[in-house]
N, C-alpha and C. Protein backbone atom coordinates (compact mmCIF):
# COMPACT_ATOMS: atom_id res chain seq x y z
N UNK A 1 -19.53 11.08 23.88
CA UNK A 1 -18.73 11.11 23.08
C UNK A 1 -17.46 10.65 22.53
N UNK A 2 -17.79 10.66 21.30
CA UNK A 2 -16.33 9.62 21.53
C UNK A 2 -15.15 10.12 19.67
N UNK A 3 -14.43 11.00 20.19
CA UNK A 3 -13.51 11.09 18.48
C UNK A 3 -12.96 10.48 17.67
N UNK A 4 -13.54 8.94 17.92
CA UNK A 4 -12.94 7.77 17.07
C UNK A 4 -13.25 7.14 15.78
N UNK A 5 -14.71 8.30 15.32
CA UNK A 5 -14.96 8.40 13.46
C UNK A 5 -13.67 9.75 13.20
N UNK A 6 -13.88 10.58 14.12
CA UNK A 6 -12.99 11.42 13.70
C UNK A 6 -11.73 11.74 13.54
N UNK A 7 -11.06 10.55 14.74
CA UNK A 7 -10.05 9.61 14.04
C UNK A 7 -9.52 9.06 12.74
N UNK A 8 -10.15 8.07 12.44
CA UNK A 8 -10.24 7.50 11.67
C UNK A 8 -10.23 8.09 10.00
N UNK A 9 -11.08 9.19 10.29
CA UNK A 9 -11.29 10.27 9.63
C UNK A 9 -10.21 10.86 8.74
N UNK A 10 -9.65 11.70 9.91
CA UNK A 10 -8.59 12.18 10.00
C UNK A 10 -6.91 11.56 8.96
N UNK A 11 -7.34 10.05 9.94
CA UNK A 11 -5.79 9.52 9.52
C UNK A 11 -6.17 9.13 7.77
N UNK A 12 -7.15 8.69 7.44
CA UNK A 12 -7.57 8.29 6.03
C UNK A 12 -7.14 9.82 5.33
N UNK A 13 -8.25 10.94 5.29
CA UNK A 13 -7.87 11.95 4.45
C UNK A 13 -6.15 12.35 4.55
N UNK A 14 -6.00 12.72 5.55
CA UNK A 14 -4.60 13.24 5.44
C UNK A 14 -3.04 12.10 5.45
N UNK A 15 -3.56 10.97 5.55
CA UNK A 15 -2.50 9.79 5.22
C UNK A 15 -2.72 8.68 4.65
N UNK A 16 -3.48 8.89 3.95
CA UNK A 16 -4.07 7.33 2.65
C UNK A 16 -4.60 5.94 3.32
N UNK A 17 -4.45 5.89 5.01
CA UNK A 17 -4.20 4.84 5.60
C UNK A 17 -5.73 4.29 5.82
N UNK A 18 -5.92 3.42 5.98
CA UNK A 18 -7.31 2.25 6.55
C UNK A 18 -6.98 1.72 7.42
N UNK A 19 -7.60 2.23 8.79
CA UNK A 19 -7.30 0.84 10.35
C UNK A 19 -7.60 -0.58 9.23
N UNK A 20 -6.65 -1.30 10.23
CA UNK A 20 -6.18 -2.39 9.61
C UNK A 20 -7.35 -3.37 11.27
N UNK A 21 -7.98 -4.39 11.27
CA UNK A 21 -8.31 -4.85 12.44
C UNK A 21 -7.81 -6.29 12.62
N UNK A 22 -6.75 -7.00 13.50
CA UNK A 22 -5.63 -7.76 13.41
C UNK A 22 -6.12 -8.60 14.23
N UNK A 23 -7.40 -8.54 15.10
CA UNK A 23 -7.43 -9.36 16.46
C UNK A 23 -9.08 -9.52 16.17
N UNK A 24 -8.96 -11.28 16.21
CA UNK A 24 -10.80 -11.61 16.07
C UNK A 24 -11.25 -11.50 17.84
N UNK A 25 -9.94 -11.42 18.54
CA UNK A 25 -10.98 -11.27 20.11
C UNK A 25 -11.21 -9.52 20.40
N UNK A 26 -10.95 -8.81 19.89
CA UNK A 26 -10.71 -7.89 19.97
C UNK A 26 -11.36 -6.95 18.55
N UNK A 27 -12.23 -7.67 17.68
CA UNK A 27 -12.81 -6.80 16.13
C UNK A 27 -12.94 -5.10 15.56
N UNK A 28 -13.23 -4.51 16.95
CA UNK A 28 -13.39 -2.99 17.22
C UNK A 28 -12.08 -2.34 17.15
N UNK A 29 -10.66 -3.09 17.73
CA UNK A 29 -9.63 -2.56 17.97
C UNK A 29 -8.84 -2.10 16.73
N UNK A 30 -8.93 -1.03 16.42
CA UNK A 30 -8.17 -0.22 14.74
C UNK A 30 -6.83 -0.20 14.97
N UNK A 31 -5.67 -0.38 13.96
CA UNK A 31 -4.25 -0.36 14.09
C UNK A 31 -4.21 0.20 12.95
N UNK A 32 -3.67 1.55 12.88
CA UNK A 32 -3.09 2.66 11.69
C UNK A 32 -1.24 1.87 11.36
N UNK A 33 -1.06 1.70 10.23
CA UNK A 33 0.24 1.35 10.05
C UNK A 33 0.75 1.93 8.80
N UNK A 34 1.72 2.19 8.70
CA UNK A 34 2.84 2.68 7.47
C UNK A 34 2.28 1.91 6.40
N UNK A 35 2.32 2.38 5.23
CA UNK A 35 2.26 1.39 4.09
C UNK A 35 3.29 0.88 3.58
N UNK A 36 4.48 1.36 3.86
CA UNK A 36 5.47 0.50 3.17
C UNK A 36 6.76 0.19 4.68
N UNK A 37 6.60 0.24 5.54
CA UNK A 37 7.44 -0.44 6.75
C UNK A 37 6.56 -0.94 8.10
N UNK A 38 4.84 -0.91 7.71
CA UNK A 38 3.81 -1.32 8.78
C UNK A 38 4.28 -1.38 9.59
N UNK A 39 5.10 -0.47 10.76
CA UNK A 39 5.06 0.03 11.64
C UNK A 39 3.81 0.96 12.57
N UNK A 40 2.79 0.38 12.87
CA UNK A 40 2.38 0.99 13.93
C UNK A 40 2.56 2.48 14.33
N UNK A 41 2.05 3.45 13.94
CA UNK A 41 1.53 4.95 14.71
C UNK A 41 0.71 5.62 15.30
N UNK A 42 -0.58 4.59 15.18
CA UNK A 42 -1.83 4.57 16.33
C UNK A 42 -2.39 3.66 16.40
N UNK A 43 -3.44 2.92 18.27
CA UNK A 43 -4.27 2.05 18.25
C UNK A 43 -5.01 2.48 18.90
N UNK A 44 -6.45 2.39 17.96
CA UNK A 44 -7.38 3.20 19.04
C UNK A 44 -9.01 1.59 19.25
N UNK A 45 -8.47 1.59 20.33
CA UNK A 45 -9.40 0.99 21.37
C UNK A 45 -10.63 0.91 22.02
N UNK A 46 -11.33 0.56 22.78
CA UNK A 46 -12.49 0.63 23.80
C UNK A 46 -11.92 -0.47 24.31
N UNK A 47 -11.82 0.36 25.90
CA UNK A 47 -11.38 -0.92 27.07
C UNK A 47 -11.87 -0.08 28.11
N UNK A 48 -12.41 -0.60 29.01
CA UNK A 48 -12.97 -0.67 30.61
C UNK A 48 -12.40 0.29 31.26
N UNK A 49 -12.79 1.15 31.35
CA UNK A 49 -12.02 2.77 32.05
C UNK A 49 -10.73 1.95 34.00
N UNK A 50 -11.60 1.54 34.19
CA UNK A 50 -10.66 0.44 35.43
C UNK A 50 -9.12 0.12 34.75
N UNK A 51 -9.07 -0.29 33.28
CA UNK A 51 -7.63 -0.92 33.72
C UNK A 51 -6.85 0.51 33.26
N UNK A 52 -7.62 1.97 33.39
CA UNK A 52 -6.78 2.94 33.25
C UNK A 52 -6.90 3.48 34.51
N UNK A 53 -7.78 3.24 34.99
CA UNK A 53 -7.60 3.11 36.43
C UNK A 53 -8.36 4.68 37.06
N UNK A 54 -9.42 4.07 36.46
CA UNK A 54 -10.48 5.39 36.89
C UNK A 54 -11.79 4.55 36.99
N UNK A 55 -11.72 4.99 38.09
CA UNK A 55 -13.06 4.40 39.11
C UNK A 55 -14.47 4.32 38.42
N UNK A 56 -14.73 3.66 37.26
CA UNK A 56 -16.21 4.11 36.92
C UNK A 56 -16.30 2.65 35.59
N UNK A 57 -17.33 2.54 36.00
CA UNK A 57 -17.45 0.69 35.55
C UNK A 57 -18.22 1.33 34.21
N UNK A 58 -17.31 1.68 32.81
CA UNK A 58 -17.95 1.52 32.22
C UNK A 58 -16.88 1.54 30.62
N UNK A 59 -17.45 1.62 29.18
CA UNK A 59 -15.60 1.83 28.76
C UNK A 59 -15.22 2.68 28.12
N UNK A 60 -14.19 2.75 27.48
CA UNK A 60 -13.76 4.77 27.10
C UNK A 60 -13.21 4.30 25.71
N UNK A 61 -13.02 5.08 24.67
CA UNK A 61 -12.03 5.27 23.47
C UNK A 61 -11.47 5.60 23.43
N UNK A 62 -9.88 4.96 23.70
CA UNK A 62 -8.76 6.18 24.25
C UNK A 62 -7.72 5.81 22.35
N UNK A 63 -6.67 6.33 22.68
CA UNK A 63 -5.69 5.85 21.21
C UNK A 63 -4.43 5.89 21.23
N UNK A 64 -3.82 5.21 21.50
CA UNK A 64 -1.88 4.39 21.73
C UNK A 64 -1.60 5.28 20.94
N UNK A 65 -0.50 6.69 21.17
CA UNK A 65 0.36 7.11 20.47
C UNK A 65 1.89 7.45 20.52
N UNK A 66 2.92 7.09 19.81
CA UNK A 66 3.98 7.45 20.32
C UNK A 66 4.12 8.64 20.14
N UNK A 67 5.14 8.57 21.56
CA UNK A 67 5.71 9.94 21.50
C UNK A 67 7.50 10.68 21.99
N UNK A 68 8.31 11.37 21.39
CA UNK A 68 9.57 11.88 22.38
C UNK A 68 9.51 11.78 23.12
N UNK A 69 10.64 10.94 24.46
CA UNK A 69 10.23 10.58 25.45
C UNK A 69 10.71 11.91 26.35
N UNK A 70 11.09 12.61 25.75
CA UNK A 70 11.34 13.98 25.93
C UNK A 70 10.26 15.02 26.51
N UNK A 71 8.86 14.80 25.91
CA UNK A 71 7.54 15.30 26.13
C UNK A 71 6.46 14.51 26.78
N UNK A 72 6.55 13.36 26.95
CA UNK A 72 5.86 12.19 27.74
C UNK A 72 5.11 13.12 28.95
N UNK A 73 6.55 13.35 29.80
CA UNK A 73 6.40 13.94 31.51
C UNK A 73 5.54 14.71 31.43
N UNK A 74 5.35 15.80 30.69
CA UNK A 74 4.37 17.03 30.10
C UNK A 74 3.10 16.66 29.41
N UNK A 75 3.45 16.13 28.60
CA UNK A 75 1.65 15.41 28.18
C UNK A 75 1.27 14.97 29.34
N UNK A 76 1.49 13.93 29.81
CA UNK A 76 0.79 13.38 31.19
C UNK A 76 0.03 14.45 32.29
N UNK A 77 0.72 15.43 31.96
CA UNK A 77 0.59 16.57 33.02
C UNK A 77 -1.00 16.95 32.86
N UNK A 78 -1.60 16.65 31.63
CA UNK A 78 -2.27 17.40 30.45
C UNK A 78 -3.86 16.35 31.59
N UNK A 79 -4.63 16.50 31.37
CA UNK A 79 -5.72 16.16 31.40
C UNK A 79 -6.02 15.27 30.29
N UNK A 80 -6.58 13.71 30.64
CA UNK A 80 -6.92 13.60 28.96
C UNK A 80 -5.93 12.42 28.35
N UNK A 81 -4.11 12.45 28.95
CA UNK A 81 -3.13 12.30 28.70
C UNK A 81 -3.05 11.08 29.50
N UNK A 82 -2.98 10.14 29.55
CA UNK A 82 -2.24 9.28 30.67
C UNK A 82 -1.40 8.09 29.48
N UNK A 83 -0.23 7.54 31.06
CA UNK A 83 0.47 5.99 30.69
C UNK A 83 0.39 5.31 29.85
N UNK A 84 0.52 5.39 28.71
CA UNK A 84 0.19 3.81 27.78
C UNK A 84 -0.49 2.64 27.95
N UNK A 85 -1.43 2.95 27.72
CA UNK A 85 -2.33 1.34 28.26
C UNK A 85 -1.90 0.10 27.38
N UNK A 86 -0.80 -0.82 27.48
CA UNK A 86 -0.63 -2.09 26.83
C UNK A 86 0.02 -1.32 26.49
N UNK A 87 1.12 -0.77 26.51
CA UNK A 87 2.67 -0.42 25.29
C UNK A 87 3.41 0.38 26.25
N UNK A 88 4.77 0.27 25.70
CA UNK A 88 5.63 0.87 26.51
C UNK A 88 5.80 2.39 27.12
N UNK A 89 5.76 2.45 28.01
CA UNK A 89 5.21 3.89 28.90
C UNK A 89 6.49 4.67 28.99
N UNK A 90 7.34 4.33 27.95
CA UNK A 90 8.71 5.40 28.12
C UNK A 90 8.43 6.02 26.82
N UNK A 91 8.20 5.14 25.49
CA UNK A 91 7.93 5.66 24.41
C UNK A 91 6.25 6.33 23.97
N UNK A 92 5.00 5.58 24.23
CA UNK A 92 3.86 6.22 23.64
C UNK A 92 2.92 6.37 25.29
N UNK A 93 1.76 7.00 24.58
CA UNK A 93 1.28 7.54 25.57
C UNK A 93 -0.65 7.37 25.36
N UNK A 94 -1.88 7.49 25.83
CA UNK A 94 -3.16 6.96 25.21
C UNK A 94 -3.34 8.25 26.25
N UNK A 95 -4.36 8.29 25.29
CA UNK A 95 -5.04 9.79 25.18
C UNK A 95 -6.99 9.16 24.70
N UNK A 96 -7.90 9.85 26.17
CA UNK A 96 -8.82 9.64 25.80
C UNK A 96 -9.35 10.69 24.64
N UNK A 97 -10.51 9.42 24.18
CA UNK A 97 -11.30 10.17 22.95
C UNK A 97 -12.55 10.56 23.45
N UNK A 98 -12.65 11.35 25.09
CA UNK A 98 -14.32 11.08 25.36
C UNK A 98 -14.50 13.13 25.31
N UNK A 99 -13.10 13.90 24.43
CA UNK A 99 -13.82 15.11 24.59
C UNK A 99 -12.85 16.02 25.35
N UNK A 100 -12.15 14.95 26.68
CA UNK A 100 -11.20 15.23 27.81
C UNK A 100 -10.35 16.51 27.24
N UNK A 101 -9.50 15.83 26.08
CA UNK A 101 -8.35 16.86 25.33
C UNK A 101 -8.51 16.81 23.73
N UNK A 102 -8.60 17.91 23.68
CA UNK A 102 -9.31 18.35 22.51
C UNK A 102 -8.56 18.10 20.97
N UNK A 103 -9.47 17.83 20.31
CA UNK A 103 -9.59 16.76 19.30
C UNK A 103 -7.97 17.72 17.97
N UNK A 104 -8.51 19.05 18.25
CA UNK A 104 -7.31 19.28 17.57
C UNK A 104 -5.68 18.97 17.62
N UNK A 105 -5.20 18.76 19.18
CA UNK A 105 -4.42 18.53 19.54
C UNK A 105 -3.72 16.95 19.37
N UNK A 106 -5.29 16.68 19.26
CA UNK A 106 -4.81 15.55 19.23
C UNK A 106 -4.33 14.85 17.91
N UNK A 107 -5.11 15.40 16.98
CA UNK A 107 -4.25 15.80 15.91
C UNK A 107 -2.88 15.80 15.20
N UNK A 108 -2.60 16.83 16.18
CA UNK A 108 -1.55 17.12 16.49
C UNK A 108 -0.75 15.76 16.40
N UNK A 109 -0.90 14.82 18.04
CA UNK A 109 -0.06 14.01 18.29
C UNK A 109 0.04 12.68 17.48
N UNK A 110 -0.74 12.80 16.71
CA UNK A 110 -0.77 11.73 15.34
C UNK A 110 0.33 12.20 14.87
N UNK A 111 0.08 12.98 14.15
CA UNK A 111 1.37 13.65 13.30
C UNK A 111 2.78 13.56 13.61
N UNK A 112 2.71 14.01 15.01
CA UNK A 112 4.35 13.10 15.77
C UNK A 112 4.69 11.66 16.09
N UNK A 113 3.34 10.97 16.06
CA UNK A 113 3.48 9.52 15.96
C UNK A 113 4.01 9.02 15.07
N UNK A 114 3.20 9.41 14.10
CA UNK A 114 3.28 9.04 12.47
C UNK A 114 4.93 9.22 11.94
N UNK A 115 4.90 10.48 12.33
CA UNK A 115 6.91 11.00 11.61
C UNK A 115 7.93 9.91 12.65
N UNK A 116 7.51 10.05 13.46
CA UNK A 116 8.88 9.34 14.82
C UNK A 116 8.09 7.79 13.93
N UNK A 117 7.11 7.55 13.18
CA UNK A 117 7.44 5.76 12.96
C UNK A 117 7.83 5.37 11.64
N UNK A 118 7.87 6.87 10.75
CA UNK A 118 8.29 6.21 9.69
C UNK A 118 9.36 5.59 9.14
């Protein structure tokens, strides 16, 4: 199970933003940027779980989102939210898209990230 398609649909319907696929070596990594300033507010990737220190030989869909630093500590205490993969850990989080963290709550985090990067 993955929320990846749900995330793409939510962002398209709520912000009228299509995914951007900027990397040739990882063509399935999708970046969502503001139309006016081109700043990222979400990055969806499929990575090996071991890159997240999860000792399992399989891949997982994740999303990186910007978050206020004062919320990051409490968010990372929740199941399914980790320190940001490959991003600034003070301002970004990684959320597993495997159903561990509720989809509706992910939508709320996308909205926060969107607002922070306007």
